[in-house]
């Protein structure tokens, strides 16, 4: 085991990054603020839904009329920007 007094100092890496220089406030360009845009977007998703029914036909009718519960949000299958508003 080597003592701390006898250890050689570790060398600095060959490429030391240059110091960062800051420009005075008067010479800096003012940062422009980002503009907010609103959009109307059409999104189509494939989702998993379930409903309790006696037959598959009854289940289809219930789901088509808006009954049932979403089990899982699926992945987006279509994404289209309808209108972009400045």
Protein backbone atom coordinates (compact mmCIF):
# COMPACT_ATOMS: atom_id res chain seq x y z
CA UNK A 1 0.00 0.00 0.00
CA UNK A 2 1.44 3.36 -1.04
CA UNK A 3 1.19 6.35 1.21
CA UNK A 4 -0.40 9.57 0.02
CA UNK A 5 2.89 11.49 0.41
CA UNK A 6 4.76 9.25 -2.04
CA UNK A 7 2.09 9.22 -4.78
CA UNK A 8 2.81 11.15 -7.94
CA UNK A 9 0.31 13.87 -8.79
CA UNK A 10 -1.99 12.86 -11.62
CA UNK A 11 -1.30 14.61 -14.90
CA UNK A 12 -3.91 16.86 -16.46
CA UNK A 13 -5.47 15.65 -19.69
CA UNK A 14 -3.65 16.77 -22.84
CA UNK A 15 -6.63 18.73 -24.15
CA UNK A 16 -7.89 21.14 -21.52
CA UNK A 17 -10.99 23.02 -22.70
CA UNK A 18 -10.40 26.77 -23.16
CA UNK A 19 -11.83 29.15 -20.61
CA UNK A 20 -15.26 30.55 -21.40
CA UNK A 21 -15.17 34.25 -22.14
CA UNK A 22 -18.27 36.30 -21.48
CA UNK A 23 -19.08 39.33 -23.53
CA UNK A 24 -20.13 42.51 -21.73
CA UNK A 25 -23.90 43.02 -21.60
CA UNK A 26 -23.72 45.98 -23.97
CA UNK A 27 -22.21 43.85 -26.76
CA UNK A 28 -24.54 40.86 -26.37
CA UNK A 29 -27.44 40.52 -28.76
CA UNK A 30 -30.82 40.50 -27.03
CA UNK A 31 -32.30 37.01 -27.07
CA UNK A 32 -35.49 36.80 -29.09
CA UNK A 33 -38.43 35.22 -27.34
CA UNK A 34 -40.02 32.23 -29.08
CA UNK A 35 -43.43 32.80 -30.64
CA UNK A 36 -46.35 30.63 -29.53
CA UNK A 37 -48.38 29.04 -32.30
CA UNK A 38 -51.71 27.26 -31.86
CA UNK A 39 -52.93 24.56 -34.21
CA UNK A 40 -55.93 22.43 -34.94
CA UNK A 41 -54.66 18.86 -35.26
CA UNK A 42 -56.43 15.75 -36.51
CA UNK A 43 -55.22 12.64 -34.67
CA UNK A 44 -56.20 9.03 -35.29
CA UNK A 45 -55.31 6.42 -32.67
CA UNK A 46 -55.82 2.70 -32.39
CA UNK A 47 -57.22 2.09 -28.90
CA UNK A 48 -58.38 -0.93 -26.94
CA UNK A 49 -61.90 -0.73 -25.50
CA UNK A 50 -64.08 -3.22 -23.65
CA UNK A 51 -67.77 -3.59 -22.92
CA UNK A 52 -69.89 -6.27 -21.24
CA UNK A 53 -72.48 -7.79 -23.58
CA UNK A 54 -74.26 -11.09 -24.21
CA UNK A 55 -73.17 -11.36 -27.86
CA UNK A 56 -70.55 -9.89 -30.18
CA UNK A 57 -73.31 -8.10 -32.12
CA UNK A 58 -74.59 -6.44 -28.93
CA UNK A 59 -71.03 -5.47 -27.98
CA UNK A 60 -70.49 -3.88 -31.42
CA UNK A 61 -73.71 -1.86 -31.12
CA UNK A 62 -72.80 -0.70 -27.61
CA UNK A 63 -69.30 0.36 -28.64
CA UNK A 64 -70.55 2.15 -31.76
CA UNK A 65 -73.03 4.11 -29.63
CA UNK A 66 -70.26 5.30 -27.29
CA UNK A 67 -70.66 2.81 -24.43
CA UNK A 68 -67.77 0.88 -22.97
CA UNK A 69 -64.48 1.82 -21.38
CA UNK A 70 -61.09 2.48 -22.82
CA UNK A 71 -58.59 -0.08 -21.65
CA UNK A 72 -55.46 1.37 -23.22
CA UNK A 73 -54.56 4.42 -25.29
CA UNK A 74 -53.03 3.07 -28.44
CA UNK A 75 -50.35 4.45 -30.68
CA UNK A 76 -50.97 7.29 -33.07
CA UNK A 77 -51.65 6.00 -36.59
CA UNK A 78 -52.27 9.37 -38.27
CA UNK A 79 -51.29 12.94 -37.37
CA UNK A 80 -52.20 15.89 -39.57
CA UNK A 81 -52.07 19.64 -38.88
CA UNK A 82 -55.37 21.05 -40.08
CA UNK A 83 -54.83 24.74 -39.36
CA UNK A 84 -51.92 26.72 -37.91
CA UNK A 85 -52.90 29.92 -36.11
CA UNK A 86 -50.36 32.70 -35.57
